[in-house]
Protein backbone atom coordinates (compact mmCIF):
# COMPACT_ATOMS: atom_id res chain seq x y z
CA MET A 1 -28.17 24.81 -3.09
CA THR A 2 -28.54 26.40 0.34
CA ALA A 3 -30.05 25.28 3.65
CA GLU A 4 -32.91 27.96 2.96
CA THR A 5 -33.82 26.85 -0.45
CA PRO A 6 -33.12 23.15 -1.24
CA GLN A 7 -33.20 21.77 -4.54
CA ARG A 8 -36.38 19.80 -5.36
CA LEU A 9 -36.95 16.82 -7.38
CA PRO A 10 -39.65 17.05 -10.13
CA ASP A 11 -42.14 15.28 -7.63
CA GLY A 12 -41.62 18.05 -5.05
CA ARG A 13 -39.30 16.21 -2.51
CA PRO A 14 -36.20 18.06 -1.30
CA VAL A 15 -32.78 16.82 -2.36
CA PRO A 16 -30.54 16.18 0.37
CA PRO A 17 -27.26 18.22 -0.01
CA LEU A 18 -24.52 16.37 -1.46
CA THR A 19 -21.77 18.04 0.65
CA GLY A 20 -21.65 20.21 3.74
CA ALA A 21 -22.05 20.02 7.54
CA GLU A 22 -23.53 16.94 9.34
CA ARG A 23 -26.53 18.32 10.95
CA PRO A 24 -28.07 19.84 7.86
CA MET A 25 -27.39 16.67 5.81
CA LEU A 26 -29.17 14.47 8.56
CA GLU A 27 -31.91 16.70 8.81
CA SER A 28 -32.32 16.80 5.05
CA TRP A 29 -32.17 13.18 4.54
CA LEU A 30 -35.01 12.63 7.08
CA ALA A 31 -37.14 15.41 5.21
CA TYR A 32 -36.58 13.54 2.07
CA HIS A 33 -37.75 10.26 3.63
CA ARG A 34 -40.67 11.80 5.34
CA ALA A 35 -41.68 13.45 1.92
CA THR A 36 -41.21 10.05 0.29
CA LEU A 37 -43.75 8.47 2.60
CA GLU A 38 -46.24 11.31 1.85
CA LEU A 39 -45.73 11.04 -1.89
CA LYS A 40 -46.57 7.07 -1.52
CA CYS A 41 -49.97 8.13 -0.08
CA ALA A 42 -50.83 10.79 -2.68
CA GLY A 43 -53.81 10.32 -4.83
CA LEU A 44 -55.13 7.19 -3.40
CA ASP A 45 -58.69 6.68 -2.08
CA ASP A 46 -59.59 5.51 1.45
CA GLY A 47 -59.99 1.79 0.52
CA GLN A 48 -56.57 1.84 -1.28
CA LEU A 49 -54.92 3.25 1.79
CA ARG A 50 -56.28 0.57 3.93
CA ARG A 51 -55.36 -2.31 1.48
CA ALA A 52 -52.90 -4.78 3.00
CA SER A 53 -49.83 -5.72 1.22
CA ALA A 54 -50.28 -9.49 1.18
CA GLU A 55 -51.40 -12.17 3.58
CA PRO A 56 -50.79 -12.75 6.36
CA SER A 57 -49.40 -9.21 6.72
CA ALA A 58 -51.94 -6.60 7.58
CA LEU A 59 -49.64 -3.68 6.82
CA THR A 60 -51.15 -0.62 4.92
CA LEU A 61 -50.14 2.80 3.73
CA LEU A 62 -52.42 4.39 6.35
CA GLY A 63 -50.99 2.18 9.01
CA LEU A 64 -47.44 3.15 8.01
CA VAL A 65 -48.33 6.89 8.49
CA GLN A 66 -49.82 6.19 11.99
CA HIS A 67 -46.77 4.07 12.90
CA LEU A 68 -44.40 6.78 11.90
CA ALA A 69 -46.44 9.50 13.86
CA GLU A 70 -45.76 7.12 16.89
CA VAL A 71 -42.15 6.82 15.90
CA GLU A 72 -41.67 10.51 15.73
CA ARG A 73 -43.43 10.99 19.10
CA ASN A 74 -41.45 8.19 20.85
CA TRP A 75 -37.87 9.37 19.77
CA PHE A 76 -38.24 13.07 19.91
CA GLN A 77 -40.72 13.36 22.90
CA ARG A 78 -40.28 10.28 25.07
CA VAL A 79 -36.47 9.47 24.44
CA PHE A 80 -34.69 12.73 23.58
CA ALA A 81 -36.92 15.29 25.65
CA ARG A 82 -37.89 12.72 28.38
CA LEU A 83 -41.49 13.77 28.23
CA ASP A 84 -44.27 11.58 29.50
CA ALA A 85 -46.19 11.44 26.24
CA PRO A 86 -49.07 9.04 25.74
CA PRO A 87 -49.41 6.99 22.55
CA VAL A 88 -50.66 8.95 19.48
CA PHE A 89 -53.21 6.36 18.73
CA GLU A 90 -54.92 3.55 20.52
CA GLU A 91 -52.14 0.96 20.26
CA ARG A 92 -48.43 1.84 20.63
CA THR A 93 -47.46 0.86 17.33
CA GLY A 94 -50.32 2.80 15.44
CA TYR A 95 -50.64 0.19 12.74
CA ALA A 96 -54.32 -0.53 13.81
CA LEU A 97 -57.00 0.94 11.35
CA ASP A 98 -59.86 2.79 12.81
CA ALA A 99 -62.88 3.23 10.33
CA GLY A 100 -63.34 6.83 11.29
CA ARG A 101 -59.65 7.82 10.78
CA GLY A 102 -58.62 8.59 7.23
CA LEU A 103 -55.47 9.82 5.69
CA ASP A 104 -56.07 13.61 6.22
CA GLU A 105 -56.45 13.00 9.97
CA ALA A 106 -53.47 10.61 10.07
CA LEU A 107 -51.29 13.17 8.15
CA THR A 108 -52.48 15.94 10.33
CA VAL A 109 -51.23 13.96 13.42
CA TRP A 110 -48.15 12.83 11.68
CA ARG A 111 -47.18 16.52 10.61
CA HIS A 112 -47.82 17.70 14.23
CA GLU A 113 -45.39 15.14 15.64
CA ILE A 114 -42.65 16.10 13.02
CA ALA A 115 -43.13 19.71 13.90
CA ARG A 116 -43.11 18.99 17.53
CA GLY A 117 -39.94 16.97 17.27
CA ARG A 118 -38.42 19.83 15.40
CA GLU A 119 -39.28 22.25 18.16
CA LEU A 120 -37.77 19.88 20.79
CA ILE A 121 -34.48 19.43 19.16
CA ALA A 122 -33.88 22.98 18.00
CA GLY A 123 -30.88 24.41 19.34
CA HIS A 124 -29.51 21.08 20.65
CA SER A 125 -26.11 19.52 19.61
CA LEU A 126 -26.03 16.44 17.86
CA ASP A 127 -24.12 15.21 20.97
CA ASP A 128 -26.88 15.98 23.52
CA THR A 129 -28.56 12.83 24.76
CA GLY A 130 -31.85 11.21 25.78
CA ARG A 131 -32.54 7.82 27.11
CA ILE A 132 -34.33 4.76 25.56
CA VAL A 133 -37.71 4.28 27.37
CA ASP A 134 -38.70 0.68 26.62
CA GLY A 135 -37.58 -2.51 25.10
CA PRO A 136 -34.35 -4.38 25.67
CA LEU A 137 -32.15 -1.22 25.82
CA THR A 138 -34.44 0.55 28.40
CA GLY A 139 -32.42 3.41 30.13
CA THR A 140 -29.62 3.33 27.63
CA GLU A 141 -28.27 6.89 26.68
CA VAL A 142 -28.42 7.83 23.08
CA SER A 143 -27.37 10.94 21.20
CA LEU A 144 -29.42 13.12 19.11
CA ARG A 145 -27.17 12.05 16.06
CA TRP A 146 -28.03 8.40 16.62
CA ILE A 147 -31.74 9.17 16.81
CA LEU A 148 -31.57 11.12 13.48
CA VAL A 149 -29.80 8.18 11.77
CA HIS A 150 -32.17 5.85 13.26
CA LEU A 151 -35.17 7.78 12.03
CA ILE A 152 -33.52 7.98 8.63
CA GLU A 153 -33.07 4.12 8.74
CA GLU A 154 -36.73 3.68 9.98
CA TYR A 155 -38.17 5.78 7.20
CA ALA A 156 -36.07 4.33 4.53
CA ARG A 157 -37.19 0.71 5.59
CA HIS A 158 -40.77 1.68 5.70
CA ASN A 159 -40.75 3.65 2.53
CA GLY A 160 -39.45 0.21 0.83
CA HIS A 161 -42.69 -1.15 2.34
CA ALA A 162 -44.63 1.74 1.10
CA ASP A 163 -43.12 1.05 -2.52
CA ILE A 164 -44.39 -2.49 -2.38
CA LEU A 165 -47.81 -1.46 -1.25
CA ARG A 166 -48.08 1.23 -3.76
CA GLU A 167 -47.18 -1.07 -6.54
CA ARG A 168 -49.62 -3.68 -5.52
CA ILE A 169 -52.36 -1.08 -5.17
CA ASP A 170 -52.17 0.70 -8.56
CA GLY A 171 -48.86 -0.27 -10.21
CA VAL A 172 -47.10 3.05 -9.40
CA THR A 173 -43.36 2.44 -8.92
CA GLY A 174 -40.38 4.64 -8.04
CA THR A 175 -38.23 6.17 -5.60
């Protein structure tokens, strides 16, 4: 398996390398988790994508896609590149659902944020830094390595939520 042609699981997701350099491994794990989120949304209709997990939570698969578009923008544009980028959606988290915004639009925005993040980190060292822009750690310096590890963790956690949502919607389970 090479960086140019990763192995793929039967469902199409890339298999992260089992050995090799740190950066390709981190980027591959992030790609795997991004693909997992998209897989969890595949084949569902708009109503299913908007179905909340369980009261009192309002968490939905569509809301997760929107939230992770915000996460991508925050960490790569605001924190790493230090750009003044407004929220992608009306509210900072992206969880709020808009009746006019469906999965196709949310995925397009999410994919755009992923591509923009890749552009911004291209050619940078894992040791290059940005600064956290809000919350209790505002102003704290953070490395690109930390950002990638954090995003892997963020996606893994939310993919666990997506597993539960998907199972509740139609019984589909899996990694």
